[in-house]
Amino acid sequence: MRTKAPLGIKLLRIAIISQIIVALSALVPGVALAHWKKCQNGYKLRWESSNATYFYPNNWSSRYANATDNAAASITNNTDFSFQKGASANSADVSWHKDNYGNSGWDGLAHRTWTESSTACYLYKVDTYYNTYWTGGYTAGATQSVGIHETGHAIGMKHVNDQCTLNSIMQPAYDCRWKQKAIKTVQAHDISDINATY
């Protein structure tokens, strides 16, 4: 006689199968887990075209300038989206800022502005920030890790919330993204997500 598995065992099996599906989908090229911000109208937050300009002040130290340029280049050279250096903060799509914003709990931040219609959700201005309270003591690689994460937000991506298992620029925690994984360029999962959107 065959007996039914207890409910706890069934739930455990479902949880294990779900984790296997998530892990496999992260390994299969072209399968994105949709770590993308969606607007209230249900559409992905994105730029209308597949390119944008960015700007930071000319007096920035090479560490911050290189972190920002390398982050933009990582996306441009590996995905269907491209960045070009803009002429001014006012004319650029993405304007970078750097200051000591104190012990605020964040080392980088992206403030996105967009418009929604019945058929789309398009970014039209992004302001991105390095908080030197934290990043002032970071290495060049760690600073670039912040830069690539905020650049991801600047094109519409959202955080990955998977307890630090997935290799992604959108891991929200510095300890995971940089200290554990040393991520400072787009990963295979990010490339899939970006190309599925642009």
C-alpha atoms as a PDB file:
ATOM      1  CA  MET A   1       0.000   0.000   0.000  1.00  0.00           C
ATOM      2  CA  ARG A   2       1.340   3.404  -1.000  1.00  0.00           C
ATOM      3  CA  THR A   3       1.165   6.134   1.638  1.00  0.00           C
ATOM      4  CA  LYS A   4       0.992   9.862   1.054  1.00  0.00           C
ATOM      5  CA  ALA A   5       3.989  11.986   2.013  1.00  0.00           C
ATOM      6  CA  PRO A   6       3.382  14.332   4.946  1.00  0.00           C
ATOM      7  CA  LEU A   7       2.668  17.968   4.065  1.00  0.00           C
ATOM      8  CA  GLY A   8       6.065  19.074   5.427  1.00  0.00           C
ATOM      9  CA  ILE A   9       7.878  16.691   3.057  1.00  0.00           C
ATOM     10  CA  LYS A  10       5.784  17.908   0.111  1.00  0.00           C
ATOM     11  CA  LEU A  11       6.608  21.534   0.888  1.00  0.00           C
ATOM     12  CA  LEU A  12      10.293  20.674   1.238  1.00  0.00           C
ATOM     13  CA  ARG A  13      10.242  18.948  -2.179  1.00  0.00           C
ATOM     14  CA  ILE A  14       8.569  21.985  -3.749  1.00  0.00           C
ATOM     15  CA  ALA A  15      11.161  24.310  -2.193  1.00  0.00           C
ATOM     16  CA  ILE A  16      14.048  22.150  -3.456  1.00  0.00           C
ATOM     17  CA  ILE A  17      12.600  21.912  -6.962  1.00  0.00           C
ATOM     18  CA  SER A  18      12.059  25.690  -7.012  1.00  0.00           C
ATOM     19  CA  GLN A  19      15.698  26.288  -6.034  1.00  0.00           C
ATOM     20  CA  ILE A  20      16.902  23.888  -8.737  1.00  0.00           C
ATOM     21  CA  ILE A  21      14.812  25.696 -11.362  1.00  0.00           C
ATOM     22  CA  VAL A  22      16.205  29.075 -10.253  1.00  0.00           C
ATOM     23  CA  ALA A  23      19.783  27.743 -10.311  1.00  0.00           C
ATOM     24  CA  LEU A  24      19.372  26.139 -13.735  1.00  0.00           C
ATOM     25  CA  SER A  25      17.736  29.195 -15.265  1.00  0.00           C
ATOM     26  CA  ALA A  26      20.703  31.275 -14.110  1.00  0.00           C
ATOM     27  CA  LEU A  27      23.042  28.891 -15.958  1.00  0.00           C
ATOM     28  CA  VAL A  28      21.140  28.651 -19.241  1.00  0.00           C
ATOM     29  CA  PRO A  29      22.176  31.365 -21.721  1.00  0.00           C
ATOM     30  CA  GLY A  30      19.325  33.612 -22.758  1.00  0.00           C
ATOM     31  CA  VAL A  31      17.200  32.838 -19.708  1.00  0.00           C
ATOM     32  CA  ALA A  32      16.752  35.986 -17.651  1.00  0.00           C
ATOM     33  CA  LEU A  33      15.211  36.020 -14.211  1.00  0.00           C
ATOM     34  CA  ALA A  34      13.736  39.435 -14.952  1.00  0.00           C
ATOM     35  CA  HIS A  35      15.577  41.517 -12.360  1.00  0.00           C
ATOM     36  CA  TRP A  36      14.093  44.584 -13.897  1.00  0.00           C
ATOM     37  CA  LYS A  37      12.059  47.428 -12.412  1.00  0.00           C
ATOM     38  CA  LYS A  38       8.467  47.402 -13.628  1.00  0.00           C
ATOM     39  CA  CYS A  39       6.270  50.485 -13.591  1.00  0.00           C
ATOM     40  CA  GLN A  40       2.679  50.652 -12.376  1.00  0.00           C
ATOM     41  CA  ASN A  41       1.490  50.116 -15.947  1.00  0.00           C
ATOM     42  CA  GLY A  42       3.301  46.736 -15.977  1.00  0.00           C
ATOM     43  CA  TYR A  43       5.971  47.724 -18.498  1.00  0.00           C
ATOM     44  CA  LYS A  44       9.713  47.479 -17.861  1.00  0.00           C
ATOM     45  CA  LEU A  45      11.449  50.711 -16.873  1.00  0.00           C
ATOM     46  CA  ARG A  46      13.931  51.452 -19.662  1.00  0.00           C
ATOM     47  CA  TRP A  47      15.317  54.097 -21.966  1.00  0.00           C
ATOM     48  CA  GLU A  48      13.324  54.556 -25.165  1.00  0.00           C
ATOM     49  CA  SER A  49      16.434  53.839 -27.243  1.00  0.00           C
ATOM     50  CA  SER A  50      19.287  51.437 -26.548  1.00  0.00           C
ATOM     51  CA  ASN A  51      21.835  54.144 -25.786  1.00  0.00           C
ATOM     52  CA  ALA A  52      22.319  56.944 -23.283  1.00  0.00           C
ATOM     53  CA  THR A  53      24.857  59.602 -22.370  1.00  0.00           C
ATOM     54  CA  TYR A  54      26.542  60.013 -18.990  1.00  0.00           C
ATOM     55  CA  PHE A  55      28.555  62.790 -17.387  1.00  0.00           C
ATOM     56  CA  TYR A  56      30.755  63.391 -14.335  1.00  0.00           C
ATOM     57  CA  PRO A  57      32.778  66.529 -13.493  1.00  0.00           C
ATOM     58  CA  ASN A  58      36.217  66.847 -15.091  1.00  0.00           C
ATOM     59  CA  ASN A  59      37.881  67.438 -11.705  1.00  0.00           C
ATOM     60  CA  TRP A  60      37.133  63.957 -10.373  1.00  0.00           C
ATOM     61  CA  SER A  61      40.053  61.813  -9.199  1.00  0.00           C
ATOM     62  CA  SER A  62      41.090  59.024 -11.546  1.00  0.00           C
ATOM     63  CA  ARG A  63      39.646  56.403  -9.163  1.00  0.00           C
ATOM     64  CA  TYR A  64      36.083  57.719  -9.498  1.00  0.00           C
ATOM     65  CA  ALA A  65      36.454  58.686 -13.166  1.00  0.00           C
ATOM     66  CA  ASN A  66      37.840  55.253 -14.079  1.00  0.00           C
ATOM     67  CA  ALA A  67      35.194  53.446 -12.014  1.00  0.00           C
ATOM     68  CA  THR A  68      32.433  55.314 -13.860  1.00  0.00           C
ATOM     69  CA  ASP A  69      34.007  54.962 -17.326  1.00  0.00           C
ATOM     70  CA  ASN A  70      34.775  51.267 -16.788  1.00  0.00           C
ATOM     71  CA  ALA A  71      31.222  50.579 -15.617  1.00  0.00           C
ATOM     72  CA  ALA A  72      29.791  52.254 -18.724  1.00  0.00           C
ATOM     73  CA  ALA A  73      32.298  50.418 -20.946  1.00  0.00           C
ATOM     74  CA  SER A  74      31.418  47.057 -19.388  1.00  0.00           C
ATOM     75  CA  ILE A  75      27.785  47.475 -20.400  1.00  0.00           C
ATOM     76  CA  THR A  76      28.614  49.011 -23.800  1.00  0.00           C
ATOM     77  CA  ASN A  77      31.136  46.318 -24.760  1.00  0.00           C
ATOM     78  CA  ASN A  78      29.107  43.320 -23.586  1.00  0.00           C
ATOM     79  CA  THR A  79      25.424  44.097 -24.182  1.00  0.00           C
ATOM     80  CA  ASP A  80      22.986  45.601 -26.676  1.00  0.00           C
ATOM     81  CA  PHE A  81      22.939  48.859 -24.668  1.00  0.00           C
ATOM     82  CA  SER A  82      25.602  51.531 -25.122  1.00  0.00           C
ATOM     83  CA  PHE A  83      26.817  54.568 -23.213  1.00  0.00           C
ATOM     84  CA  GLN A  84      28.610  57.627 -24.568  1.00  0.00           C
ATOM     85  CA  LYS A  85      30.256  60.382 -22.555  1.00  0.00           C
ATOM     86  CA  GLY A  86      28.078  63.498 -22.542  1.00  0.00           C
ATOM     87  CA  ALA A  87      29.106  67.160 -22.661  1.00  0.00           C
ATOM     88  CA  SER A  88      27.448  68.411 -19.449  1.00  0.00           C
ATOM     89  CA  ALA A  89      25.389  67.357 -16.459  1.00  0.00           C
ATOM     90  CA  ASN A  90      22.352  69.176 -17.826  1.00  0.00           C
ATOM     91  CA  SER A  91      22.435  67.539 -21.253  1.00  0.00           C
ATOM     92  CA  ALA A  92      23.466  64.020 -20.152  1.00  0.00           C
ATOM     93  CA  ASP A  93      20.878  61.315 -19.579  1.00  0.00           C
ATOM     94  CA  VAL A  94      22.801  60.054 -16.531  1.00  0.00           C
ATOM     95  CA  SER A  95      24.530  62.606 -14.296  1.00  0.00           C
ATOM     96  CA  TRP A  96      27.044  61.345 -11.740  1.00  0.00           C
ATOM     97  CA  HIS A  97      27.608  63.060  -8.382  1.00  0.00           C
ATOM     98  CA  LYS A  98      30.100  62.461  -5.568  1.00  0.00           C
ATOM     99  CA  ASP A  99      30.041  63.811  -2.020  1.00  0.00           C
ATOM    100  CA  ASN A 100      30.113  62.822   1.633  1.00  0.00           C
ATOM    101  CA  TYR A 101      26.474  62.036   2.357  1.00  0.00           C
ATOM    102  CA  GLY A 102      27.329  60.664   5.801  1.00  0.00           C
ATOM    103  CA  ASN A 103      26.574  57.362   7.492  1.00  0.00           C
ATOM    104  CA  SER A 104      23.366  56.993   5.508  1.00  0.00           C
ATOM    105  CA  GLY A 105      23.523  53.229   4.942  1.00  0.00           C
ATOM    106  CA  TRP A 106      24.349  53.476   1.223  1.00  0.00           C
ATOM    107  CA  ASP A 107      27.597  53.795  -0.700  1.00  0.00           C
ATOM    108  CA  GLY A 108      25.896  54.456  -4.025  1.00  0.00           C
ATOM    109  CA  LEU A 109      22.452  55.601  -5.098  1.00  0.00           C
ATOM    110  CA  ALA A 110      20.487  56.134  -8.307  1.00  0.00           C
ATOM    111  CA  HIS A 111      17.557  58.533  -8.504  1.00  0.00           C
ATOM    112  CA  ARG A 112      15.493  57.715 -11.595  1.00  0.00           C
ATOM    113  CA  THR A 113      12.844  59.881 -13.254  1.00  0.00           C
ATOM    114  CA  TRP A 114      10.503  58.419 -15.855  1.00  0.00           C
ATOM    115  CA  THR A 115       7.224  58.834 -17.684  1.00  0.00           C
ATOM    116  CA  GLU A 116       4.517  56.215 -18.032  1.00  0.00           C
ATOM    117  CA  SER A 117       1.941  55.823 -20.756  1.00  0.00           C
ATOM    118  CA  SER A 118      -0.519  53.074 -21.580  1.00  0.00           C
ATOM    119  CA  THR A 119       2.129  51.394 -23.748  1.00  0.00           C
ATOM    120  CA  ALA A 120       5.538  52.178 -22.213  1.00  0.00           C
ATOM    121  CA  CYS A 121       7.606  53.300 -19.230  1.00  0.00           C
ATOM    122  CA  TYR A 122      10.596  55.384 -20.317  1.00  0.00           C
ATOM    123  CA  LEU A 123      13.430  56.864 -18.285  1.00  0.00           C
ATOM    124  CA  TYR A 124      14.276  60.467 -19.093  1.00  0.00           C
ATOM    125  CA  LYS A 125      16.800  61.445 -16.405  1.00  0.00           C
ATOM    126  CA  VAL A 126      18.928  59.588 -13.854  1.00  0.00           C
ATOM    127  CA  ASP A 127      21.134  61.081 -11.136  1.00  0.00           C
ATOM    128  CA  THR A 128      23.652  58.641  -9.692  1.00  0.00           C
ATOM    129  CA  TYR A 129      25.713  59.170  -6.542  1.00  0.00           C
ATOM    130  CA  TYR A 130      28.879  57.918  -4.866  1.00  0.00           C
ATOM    131  CA  ASN A 131      28.809  58.433  -1.086  1.00  0.00           C
ATOM    132  CA  THR A 132      32.433  59.207  -0.208  1.00  0.00           C
ATOM    133  CA  TYR A 133      31.706  58.572   3.483  1.00  0.00           C
ATOM    134  CA  TRP A 134      32.012  54.914   2.456  1.00  0.00           C
ATOM    135  CA  THR A 135      33.667  54.886  -0.959  1.00  0.00           C
ATOM    136  CA  GLY A 136      36.453  57.219   0.163  1.00  0.00           C
ATOM    137  CA  GLY A 137      38.092  54.197   1.779  1.00  0.00           C
ATOM    138  CA  TYR A 138      37.345  51.729  -1.034  1.00  0.00           C
ATOM    139  CA  THR A 139      39.873  50.299  -3.479  1.00  0.00           C
ATOM    140  CA  ALA A 140      39.570  51.083  -7.183  1.00  0.00           C
ATOM    141  CA  GLY A 141      37.846  47.726  -7.775  1.00  0.00           C
ATOM    142  CA  ALA A 142      35.392  48.234  -4.941  1.00  0.00           C
ATOM    143  CA  THR A 143      34.550  51.716  -6.247  1.00  0.00           C
ATOM    144  CA  GLN A 144      33.922  50.264  -9.703  1.00  0.00           C
ATOM    145  CA  SER A 145      31.648  47.642  -8.109  1.00  0.00           C
ATOM    146  CA  VAL A 146      29.514  50.512  -6.783  1.00  0.00           C
ATOM    147  CA  GLY A 147      29.685  52.211 -10.183  1.00  0.00           C
ATOM    148  CA  ILE A 148      28.527  49.179 -12.164  1.00  0.00           C
ATOM    149  CA  HIS A 149      25.701  48.524  -9.685  1.00  0.00           C
ATOM    150  CA  GLU A 150      24.376  52.089  -9.975  1.00  0.00           C
ATOM    151  CA  THR A 151      24.834  51.980 -13.754  1.00  0.00           C
ATOM    152  CA  GLY A 152      22.570  48.927 -13.734  1.00  0.00           C
ATOM    153  CA  HIS A 153      19.931  50.961 -11.914  1.00  0.00           C
ATOM    154  CA  ALA A 154      20.486  53.763 -14.436  1.00  0.00           C
ATOM    155  CA  ILE A 155      19.256  51.551 -17.282  1.00  0.00           C
ATOM    156  CA  GLY A 156      16.272  50.199 -15.336  1.00  0.00           C
ATOM    157  CA  MET A 157      17.540  47.155 -13.449  1.00  0.00           C
ATOM    158  CA  LYS A 158      16.439  46.321  -9.901  1.00  0.00           C
ATOM    159  CA  HIS A 159      18.083  44.429  -7.050  1.00  0.00           C
ATOM    160  CA  VAL A 160      18.632  40.691  -7.037  1.00  0.00           C
ATOM    161  CA  ASN A 161      17.285  39.292  -3.771  1.00  0.00           C
ATOM    162  CA  ASP A 162      18.636  35.754  -3.525  1.00  0.00           C
ATOM    163  CA  GLN A 163      20.887  35.703  -0.431  1.00  0.00           C
ATOM    164  CA  CYS A 164      24.056  36.197  -2.492  1.00  0.00           C
ATOM    165  CA  THR A 165      23.911  33.087  -4.683  1.00  0.00           C
ATOM    166  CA  LEU A 166      23.668  34.684  -8.142  1.00  0.00           C
ATOM    167  CA  ASN A 167      26.613  36.442  -9.791  1.00  0.00           C
ATOM    168  CA  SER A 168      25.076  39.789 -10.716  1.00  0.00           C
ATOM    169  CA  ILE A 169      25.953  43.469 -10.630  1.00  0.00           C
ATOM    170  CA  MET A 170      22.547  43.954  -9.010  1.00  0.00           C
ATOM    171  CA  GLN A 171      23.420  42.200  -5.762  1.00  0.00           C
ATOM    172  CA  PRO A 172      22.469  45.001  -3.345  1.00  0.00           C
ATOM    173  CA  ALA A 173      24.959  44.336  -0.541  1.00  0.00           C
ATOM    174  CA  TYR A 174      28.568  45.505  -0.870  1.00  0.00           C
ATOM    175  CA  ASP A 175      29.735  42.557   1.252  1.00  0.00           C
ATOM    176  CA  CYS A 176      28.170  40.130  -1.215  1.00  0.00           C
ATOM    177  CA  ARG A 177      28.810  41.923  -4.506  1.00  0.00           C
ATOM    178  CA  TRP A 178      32.414  42.953  -3.798  1.00  0.00           C
ATOM    179  CA  LYS A 179      33.854  41.231  -0.716  1.00  0.00           C
ATOM    180  CA  GLN A 180      32.499  37.767  -1.540  1.00  0.00           C
ATOM    181  CA  LYS A 181      32.212  37.839  -5.331  1.00  0.00           C
ATOM    182  CA  ALA A 182      34.514  40.694  -6.485  1.00  0.00           C
ATOM    183  CA  ILE A 183      31.953  41.755  -9.117  1.00  0.00           C
ATOM    184  CA  LYS A 184      32.859  44.947 -10.961  1.00  0.00           C
ATOM    185  CA  THR A 185      31.702  44.141 -14.517  1.00  0.00           C
ATOM    186  CA  VAL A 186      28.479  42.782 -16.034  1.00  0.00           C
ATOM    187  CA  GLN A 187      27.978  39.059 -15.494  1.00  0.00           C
ATOM    188  CA  ALA A 188      26.330  36.501 -17.810  1.00  0.00           C
ATOM    189  CA  HIS A 189      23.004  36.873 -16.009  1.00  0.00           C
ATOM    190  CA  ASP A 190      23.128  40.672 -16.333  1.00  0.00           C
ATOM    191  CA  ILE A 191      23.964  40.473 -20.031  1.00  0.00           C
ATOM    192  CA  SER A 192      20.956  38.208 -20.579  1.00  0.00           C
ATOM    193  CA  ASP A 193      18.659  40.578 -18.676  1.00  0.00           C
ATOM    194  CA  ILE A 194      19.901  43.680 -20.492  1.00  0.00           C
ATOM    195  CA  ASN A 195      19.712  42.095 -23.934  1.00  0.00           C
ATOM    196  CA  ALA A 196      16.217  40.797 -23.233  1.00  0.00           C
ATOM    197  CA  THR A 197      15.155  44.408 -22.564  1.00  0.00           C
ATOM    198  CA  TYR A 198      17.142  46.335 -25.175  1.00  0.00           C
END
